[in-house]
Amino acid sequence: MKALRFLSIVLLTPIVFLACSKDEATSKPPTTSVEGDWIGNYGFGSEAPQIYFRLNIKSGGVIEELNKSGQSKGSGTWTLSGNTFKAKYKWTILSGSTYSVQATLNTATGQLSGTWGYDDNPSDGGKFVVSK
């Protein structure tokens, strides 16, 4: 009888651990870090985004808009609350030009999509979409 009980414990123990590890792996949502190089397009007003747009989102809340060569056009700060991304930055090219963006981070597609605008209004300029 003891041998049968021991054999049952030996056979069932791995099944319990395997079942638990599968539950943990499938219950975690996919995560996409917002930090990194994001490339896409923006548009004016209600136009579809078609103009090159690139953001370098750095750790510590620092953001840069980059040109096609990877040189900084301006810098500022960003925040992420849940899946809502907000940023405000100032161009170094045209002093006094300040832009704001607000977007949704879609972890399933790996995209930031939202609106951009002038100064403190993140929606009076147009739409944008970027991907890593």
N, C-alpha and C. Protein backbone atom coordinates (compact mmCIF):
# COMPACT_ATOMS: atom_id res chain seq x y z
N MET A 1 0.81 -1.19 0.00
CA MET A 1 0.00 0.00 0.00
C MET A 1 0.86 1.26 0.00
N LYS A 2 1.94 1.24 0.81
CA LYS A 2 2.83 2.38 0.84
C LYS A 2 3.48 2.61 -0.51
N ALA A 3 3.80 1.54 -1.20
CA ALA A 3 4.43 1.66 -2.51
C ALA A 3 3.48 2.31 -3.51
N LEU A 4 2.20 1.95 -3.46
CA LEU A 4 1.21 2.54 -4.35
C LEU A 4 1.02 4.02 -4.07
N ARG A 5 0.97 4.41 -2.82
CA ARG A 5 0.84 5.82 -2.44
C ARG A 5 2.06 6.61 -2.90
N PHE A 6 3.25 6.06 -2.68
CA PHE A 6 4.49 6.72 -3.10
C PHE A 6 4.50 6.91 -4.62
N LEU A 7 4.13 5.86 -5.37
CA LEU A 7 4.10 5.92 -6.82
C LEU A 7 3.10 6.98 -7.30
N SER A 8 1.95 7.07 -6.64
CA SER A 8 0.95 8.08 -7.01
C SER A 8 1.48 9.49 -6.80
N ILE A 9 2.15 9.71 -5.68
CA ILE A 9 2.72 11.04 -5.41
C ILE A 9 3.78 11.38 -6.42
N VAL A 10 4.64 10.43 -6.75
CA VAL A 10 5.72 10.68 -7.72
C VAL A 10 5.14 11.01 -9.09
N LEU A 11 4.08 10.34 -9.50
CA LEU A 11 3.50 10.57 -10.81
C LEU A 11 2.67 11.85 -10.88
N LEU A 12 1.99 12.24 -9.80
CA LEU A 12 1.13 13.40 -9.82
C LEU A 12 1.87 14.72 -9.57
N THR A 13 2.97 14.71 -8.87
CA THR A 13 3.71 15.94 -8.55
C THR A 13 4.12 16.71 -9.81
N PRO A 14 4.73 16.09 -10.82
CA PRO A 14 5.10 16.87 -12.02
C PRO A 14 3.89 17.46 -12.74
N ILE A 15 2.77 16.77 -12.73
CA ILE A 15 1.57 17.27 -13.39
C ILE A 15 1.08 18.55 -12.72
N VAL A 16 1.11 18.58 -11.40
CA VAL A 16 0.69 19.77 -10.67
C VAL A 16 1.58 20.96 -11.01
N PHE A 17 2.89 20.76 -11.03
CA PHE A 17 3.80 21.86 -11.36
C PHE A 17 3.65 22.32 -12.80
N LEU A 18 3.48 21.39 -13.72
CA LEU A 18 3.29 21.77 -15.12
C LEU A 18 1.99 22.53 -15.31
N ALA A 19 0.95 22.13 -14.65
CA ALA A 19 -0.34 22.82 -14.76
C ALA A 19 -0.23 24.24 -14.22
N CYS A 20 0.47 24.43 -13.14
CA CYS A 20 0.62 25.78 -12.57
C CYS A 20 1.44 26.67 -13.48
N SER A 21 2.51 26.15 -14.04
CA SER A 21 3.36 27.00 -14.89
C SER A 21 2.63 27.40 -16.16
N LYS A 22 1.78 26.55 -16.70
CA LYS A 22 1.01 26.91 -17.89
C LYS A 22 0.02 28.02 -17.58
N ASP A 23 -0.63 27.95 -16.42
CA ASP A 23 -1.58 28.99 -16.03
C ASP A 23 -0.89 30.34 -15.92
N GLU A 24 0.28 30.38 -15.32
CA GLU A 24 1.00 31.64 -15.17
C GLU A 24 1.40 32.21 -16.51
N ALA A 25 1.87 31.36 -17.43
CA ALA A 25 2.34 31.84 -18.72
C ALA A 25 1.19 32.40 -19.56
N THR A 26 0.02 31.79 -19.49
CA THR A 26 -1.08 32.26 -20.32
C THR A 26 -1.84 33.42 -19.70
N SER A 27 -1.71 33.62 -18.39
CA SER A 27 -2.47 34.69 -17.76
C SER A 27 -1.77 36.04 -17.83
N LYS A 28 -0.49 36.08 -18.17
CA LYS A 28 0.24 37.34 -18.25
C LYS A 28 -0.05 38.02 -19.59
N PRO A 29 -0.44 39.28 -19.57
CA PRO A 29 -0.68 39.98 -20.83
C PRO A 29 0.66 40.30 -21.50
N PRO A 30 0.65 40.43 -22.85
CA PRO A 30 1.89 40.81 -23.51
C PRO A 30 2.30 42.22 -23.07
N THR A 31 3.58 42.41 -22.88
CA THR A 31 4.04 43.73 -22.47
C THR A 31 4.94 44.32 -23.55
N THR A 32 4.78 45.57 -23.79
CA THR A 32 5.62 46.30 -24.72
C THR A 32 6.13 47.52 -23.98
N SER A 33 7.43 47.60 -23.85
CA SER A 33 8.02 48.77 -23.22
C SER A 33 7.84 49.96 -24.16
N VAL A 34 7.46 51.07 -23.62
CA VAL A 34 7.27 52.27 -24.44
C VAL A 34 8.62 52.88 -24.83
N GLU A 35 9.64 52.56 -24.11
CA GLU A 35 10.96 53.13 -24.39
C GLU A 35 11.54 52.51 -25.66
N GLY A 36 12.13 53.37 -26.49
CA GLY A 36 12.76 52.89 -27.72
C GLY A 36 12.54 53.85 -28.86
N ASP A 37 12.92 53.39 -30.05
CA ASP A 37 12.84 54.17 -31.28
C ASP A 37 11.53 53.83 -31.99
N TRP A 38 10.67 54.81 -32.17
CA TRP A 38 9.35 54.63 -32.79
C TRP A 38 9.31 55.40 -34.11
N ILE A 39 8.92 54.72 -35.18
CA ILE A 39 8.90 55.34 -36.50
C ILE A 39 7.52 55.14 -37.13
N GLY A 40 7.02 56.18 -37.76
CA GLY A 40 5.73 56.10 -38.43
C GLY A 40 5.45 57.37 -39.20
N ASN A 41 4.21 57.83 -39.12
CA ASN A 41 3.77 58.99 -39.89
C ASN A 41 2.81 59.85 -39.09
N TYR A 42 2.70 61.12 -39.51
CA TYR A 42 1.70 62.02 -38.96
C TYR A 42 1.00 62.73 -40.11
N GLY A 43 -0.15 63.29 -39.80
CA GLY A 43 -0.89 64.05 -40.78
C GLY A 43 -1.47 65.30 -40.14
N PHE A 44 -1.92 66.22 -40.98
CA PHE A 44 -2.52 67.47 -40.51
C PHE A 44 -4.04 67.32 -40.48
N GLY A 45 -4.66 67.88 -39.45
CA GLY A 45 -6.13 67.86 -39.35
C GLY A 45 -6.67 66.44 -39.39
N SER A 46 -7.64 66.23 -40.28
CA SER A 46 -8.26 64.91 -40.39
C SER A 46 -7.59 64.03 -41.46
N GLU A 47 -6.50 64.53 -42.06
CA GLU A 47 -5.79 63.75 -43.08
C GLU A 47 -5.18 62.49 -42.48
N ALA A 48 -5.09 61.46 -43.30
CA ALA A 48 -4.42 60.23 -42.88
C ALA A 48 -2.93 60.52 -42.70
N PRO A 49 -2.31 59.96 -41.67
CA PRO A 49 -0.87 60.19 -41.45
C PRO A 49 -0.03 59.67 -42.61
N GLN A 50 0.73 60.57 -43.27
CA GLN A 50 1.57 60.20 -44.40
C GLN A 50 2.95 60.85 -44.36
N ILE A 51 3.22 61.70 -43.37
CA ILE A 51 4.48 62.43 -43.29
C ILE A 51 5.37 61.75 -42.25
N TYR A 52 6.63 61.53 -42.60
CA TYR A 52 7.57 60.82 -41.73
C TYR A 52 7.60 61.42 -40.32
N PHE A 53 7.56 60.53 -39.32
CA PHE A 53 7.55 60.94 -37.91
C PHE A 53 8.33 59.91 -37.11
N ARG A 54 9.25 60.39 -36.29
CA ARG A 54 10.09 59.48 -35.51
C ARG A 54 10.30 60.03 -34.11
N LEU A 55 10.06 59.18 -33.12
CA LEU A 55 10.25 59.55 -31.72
C LEU A 55 11.24 58.61 -31.06
N ASN A 56 12.12 59.15 -30.27
CA ASN A 56 13.03 58.37 -29.44
C ASN A 56 12.57 58.56 -28.00
N ILE A 57 11.92 57.55 -27.46
CA ILE A 57 11.39 57.62 -26.10
C ILE A 57 12.41 56.97 -25.18
N LYS A 58 12.99 57.79 -24.31
CA LYS A 58 14.07 57.34 -23.44
C LYS A 58 13.58 57.10 -22.02
N SER A 59 14.35 56.32 -21.28
CA SER A 59 14.02 56.10 -19.88
C SER A 59 14.17 57.42 -19.12
N GLY A 60 13.53 57.50 -17.98
CA GLY A 60 13.60 58.71 -17.18
C GLY A 60 12.68 59.81 -17.65
N GLY A 61 11.75 59.50 -18.58
CA GLY A 61 10.78 60.49 -19.01
C GLY A 61 11.28 61.48 -20.04
N VAL A 62 12.34 61.14 -20.79
CA VAL A 62 12.88 62.03 -21.81
C VAL A 62 12.44 61.54 -23.20
N ILE A 63 12.01 62.49 -24.05
CA ILE A 63 11.60 62.17 -25.41
C ILE A 63 12.30 63.10 -26.38
N GLU A 64 12.59 62.58 -27.57
CA GLU A 64 13.16 63.38 -28.66
C GLU A 64 12.37 63.11 -29.93
N GLU A 65 12.18 64.13 -30.73
CA GLU A 65 11.72 63.91 -32.10
C GLU A 65 12.98 63.88 -32.95
N LEU A 66 13.10 62.87 -33.81
CA LEU A 66 14.28 62.70 -34.65
C LEU A 66 13.93 62.89 -36.11
N ASN A 67 14.92 63.33 -36.90
CA ASN A 67 14.72 63.39 -38.34
C ASN A 67 15.10 62.03 -38.95
N LYS A 68 15.01 61.90 -40.26
CA LYS A 68 15.30 60.62 -40.92
C LYS A 68 16.74 60.16 -40.70
N SER A 69 17.65 61.10 -40.46
CA SER A 69 19.05 60.75 -40.20
C SER A 69 19.30 60.37 -38.75
N GLY A 70 18.31 60.47 -37.91
CA GLY A 70 18.45 60.13 -36.50
C GLY A 70 18.94 61.28 -35.64
N GLN A 71 18.99 62.49 -36.20
CA GLN A 71 19.42 63.66 -35.43
C GLN A 71 18.21 64.27 -34.72
N SER A 72 18.44 64.75 -33.53
CA SER A 72 17.37 65.32 -32.72
C SER A 72 16.87 66.64 -33.28
N LYS A 73 15.56 66.74 -33.43
CA LYS A 73 14.92 67.98 -33.85
C LYS A 73 14.42 68.75 -32.64
N GLY A 74 14.22 68.03 -31.51
CA GLY A 74 13.72 68.65 -30.29
C GLY A 74 13.60 67.63 -29.19
N SER A 75 13.41 68.12 -27.96
CA SER A 75 13.32 67.19 -26.83
C SER A 75 12.36 67.74 -25.78
N GLY A 76 11.93 66.83 -24.90
CA GLY A 76 11.00 67.19 -23.84
C GLY A 76 10.79 66.04 -22.89
N THR A 77 9.56 65.92 -22.38
CA THR A 77 9.26 64.90 -21.38
C THR A 77 8.03 64.09 -21.79
N TRP A 78 7.91 62.89 -21.23
CA TRP A 78 6.77 62.02 -21.50
C TRP A 78 6.33 61.31 -20.23
N THR A 79 5.06 60.84 -20.25
CA THR A 79 4.51 60.02 -19.18
C THR A 79 3.68 58.90 -19.80
N LEU A 80 3.54 57.82 -19.04
CA LEU A 80 2.68 56.71 -19.44
C LEU A 80 1.85 56.34 -18.23
N SER A 81 0.52 56.44 -18.38
CA SER A 81 -0.41 56.08 -17.31
C SER A 81 -1.34 55.02 -17.87
N GLY A 82 -1.17 53.78 -17.43
CA GLY A 82 -1.91 52.68 -18.04
C GLY A 82 -1.42 52.50 -19.46
N ASN A 83 -2.30 52.66 -20.43
CA ASN A 83 -1.87 52.60 -21.83
C ASN A 83 -1.98 53.97 -22.51
N THR A 84 -2.12 55.04 -21.71
CA THR A 84 -2.20 56.40 -22.25
C THR A 84 -0.83 57.07 -22.18
N PHE A 85 -0.31 57.40 -23.33
CA PHE A 85 1.00 58.04 -23.46
C PHE A 85 0.80 59.53 -23.75
N LYS A 86 1.53 60.37 -23.02
CA LYS A 86 1.49 61.82 -23.25
C LYS A 86 2.92 62.35 -23.27
N ALA A 87 3.15 63.33 -24.12
CA ALA A 87 4.48 63.95 -24.20
C ALA A 87 4.35 65.40 -24.64
N LYS A 88 5.35 66.17 -24.25
CA LYS A 88 5.45 67.57 -24.67
C LYS A 88 6.93 67.84 -24.92
N TYR A 89 7.22 68.43 -26.08
CA TYR A 89 8.61 68.72 -26.39
C TYR A 89 8.73 70.00 -27.21
N LYS A 90 9.93 70.54 -27.20
CA LYS A 90 10.21 71.80 -27.89
C LYS A 90 11.26 71.55 -28.96
N TRP A 91 10.99 72.04 -30.15
CA TRP A 91 11.95 71.93 -31.25
C TRP A 91 13.15 72.83 -30.99
N THR A 92 14.31 72.34 -31.32
CA THR A 92 15.51 73.17 -31.24
C THR A 92 15.73 73.92 -32.55
N ILE A 93 15.15 73.42 -33.64
CA ILE A 93 15.31 74.04 -34.95
C ILE A 93 14.62 75.40 -34.99
N LEU A 94 13.36 75.41 -34.64
CA LEU A 94 12.59 76.64 -34.60
C LEU A 94 12.29 76.94 -33.13
N SER A 95 13.11 77.77 -32.54
CA SER A 95 12.91 78.04 -31.12
C SER A 95 11.52 78.61 -30.88
N GLY A 96 10.89 78.12 -29.84
CA GLY A 96 9.54 78.56 -29.53
C GLY A 96 8.47 77.62 -30.06
N SER A 97 8.84 76.65 -30.89
CA SER A 97 7.86 75.69 -31.41
C SER A 97 7.72 74.54 -30.42
N THR A 98 6.58 74.47 -29.77
CA THR A 98 6.33 73.42 -28.78
C THR A 98 5.19 72.54 -29.27
N TYR A 99 5.35 71.23 -29.10
CA TYR A 99 4.36 70.26 -29.55
C TYR A 99 3.97 69.34 -28.40
N SER A 100 2.73 68.88 -28.44
CA SER A 100 2.22 67.91 -27.48
C SER A 100 1.63 66.74 -28.25
N VAL A 101 1.78 65.55 -27.70
CA VAL A 101 1.18 64.36 -28.29
C VAL A 101 0.45 63.57 -27.20
N GLN A 102 -0.60 62.89 -27.62
CA GLN A 102 -1.32 61.98 -26.74
C GLN A 102 -1.69 60.77 -27.57
N ALA A 103 -1.40 59.58 -27.03
CA ALA A 103 -1.63 58.37 -27.80
C ALA A 103 -2.01 57.21 -26.89
N THR A 104 -2.48 56.16 -27.54
CA THR A 104 -2.78 54.91 -26.85
C THR A 104 -1.71 53.90 -27.23
N LEU A 105 -1.14 53.26 -26.22
CA LEU A 105 -0.17 52.20 -26.46
C LEU A 105 -0.95 50.90 -26.61
N ASN A 106 -0.88 50.31 -27.80
CA ASN A 106 -1.55 49.05 -28.07
C ASN A 106 -0.51 47.94 -27.97
N THR A 107 -0.52 47.19 -26.87
CA THR A 107 0.49 46.16 -26.66
C THR A 107 0.32 44.99 -27.62
N ALA A 108 -0.87 44.77 -28.14
CA ALA A 108 -1.10 43.67 -29.07
C ALA A 108 -0.45 43.95 -30.43
N THR A 109 -0.55 45.21 -30.90
CA THR A 109 0.02 45.55 -32.21
C THR A 109 1.40 46.20 -32.09
N GLY A 110 1.77 46.64 -30.89
CA GLY A 110 3.05 47.33 -30.71
C GLY A 110 3.05 48.71 -31.33
N GLN A 111 1.91 49.39 -31.31
CA GLN A 111 1.81 50.72 -31.91
C GLN A 111 1.39 51.76 -30.88
N LEU A 112 1.84 52.97 -31.14
CA LEU A 112 1.33 54.16 -30.46
C LEU A 112 0.54 54.91 -31.51
N SER A 113 -0.73 55.16 -31.24
CA SER A 113 -1.53 55.93 -32.19
C SER A 113 -2.34 56.96 -31.42
N GLY A 114 -2.39 58.16 -31.99
CA GLY A 114 -3.09 59.23 -31.30
C GLY A 114 -3.08 60.51 -32.07
N THR A 115 -3.02 61.61 -31.33
CA THR A 115 -3.07 62.94 -31.93
C THR A 115 -1.88 63.78 -31.47
N TRP A 116 -1.61 64.82 -32.24
CA TRP A 116 -0.56 65.76 -31.88
C TRP A 116 -1.13 67.17 -32.02
N GLY A 117 -0.45 68.10 -31.35
CA GLY A 117 -0.91 69.48 -31.45
C GLY A 117 0.16 70.46 -31.04
N TYR A 118 -0.23 71.71 -31.02
CA TYR A 118 0.68 72.80 -30.73
C TYR A 118 0.58 73.21 -29.26
N ASP A 119 1.71 73.55 -28.70
CA ASP A 119 1.80 74.00 -27.31
C ASP A 119 1.21 72.94 -26.36
N ASP A 120 0.20 73.30 -25.58
CA ASP A 120 -0.35 72.38 -24.57
C ASP A 120 -1.55 71.57 -25.08
N ASN A 121 -1.98 71.79 -26.31
CA ASN A 121 -3.14 71.09 -26.86
C ASN A 121 -2.67 69.90 -27.69
N PRO A 122 -2.86 68.67 -27.20
CA PRO A 122 -2.35 67.51 -27.94
C PRO A 122 -3.24 67.04 -29.09
N SER A 123 -4.21 67.85 -29.50
CA SER A 123 -5.10 67.36 -30.55
C SER A 123 -5.44 68.36 -31.65
N ASP A 124 -4.86 69.57 -31.62
CA ASP A 124 -5.25 70.55 -32.65
C ASP A 124 -4.36 70.53 -33.89
N GLY A 125 -3.44 69.55 -33.97
CA GLY A 125 -2.59 69.47 -35.14
C GLY A 125 -3.00 68.40 -36.14
N GLY A 126 -3.21 67.18 -35.62
CA GLY A 126 -3.58 66.07 -36.49
C GLY A 126 -3.38 64.74 -35.80
N LYS A 127 -3.28 63.69 -36.62
CA LYS A 127 -3.14 62.33 -36.12
C LYS A 127 -1.74 61.80 -36.40
N PHE A 128 -1.34 60.78 -35.62
CA PHE A 128 -0.08 60.10 -35.89
C PHE A 128 -0.18 58.65 -35.47
N VAL A 129 0.68 57.84 -36.04
CA VAL A 129 0.82 56.43 -35.65
C VAL A 129 2.29 56.06 -35.83
N VAL A 130 2.86 55.41 -34.82
CA VAL A 130 4.26 54.96 -34.87
C VAL A 130 4.36 53.55 -34.33
N SER A 131 5.40 52.83 -34.78
CA SER A 131 5.69 51.48 -34.33
C SER A 131 7.17 51.38 -34.01
N LYS A 132 7.52 50.43 -33.16
CA LYS A 132 8.94 50.20 -32.84
C LYS A 132 9.60 49.49 -33.99
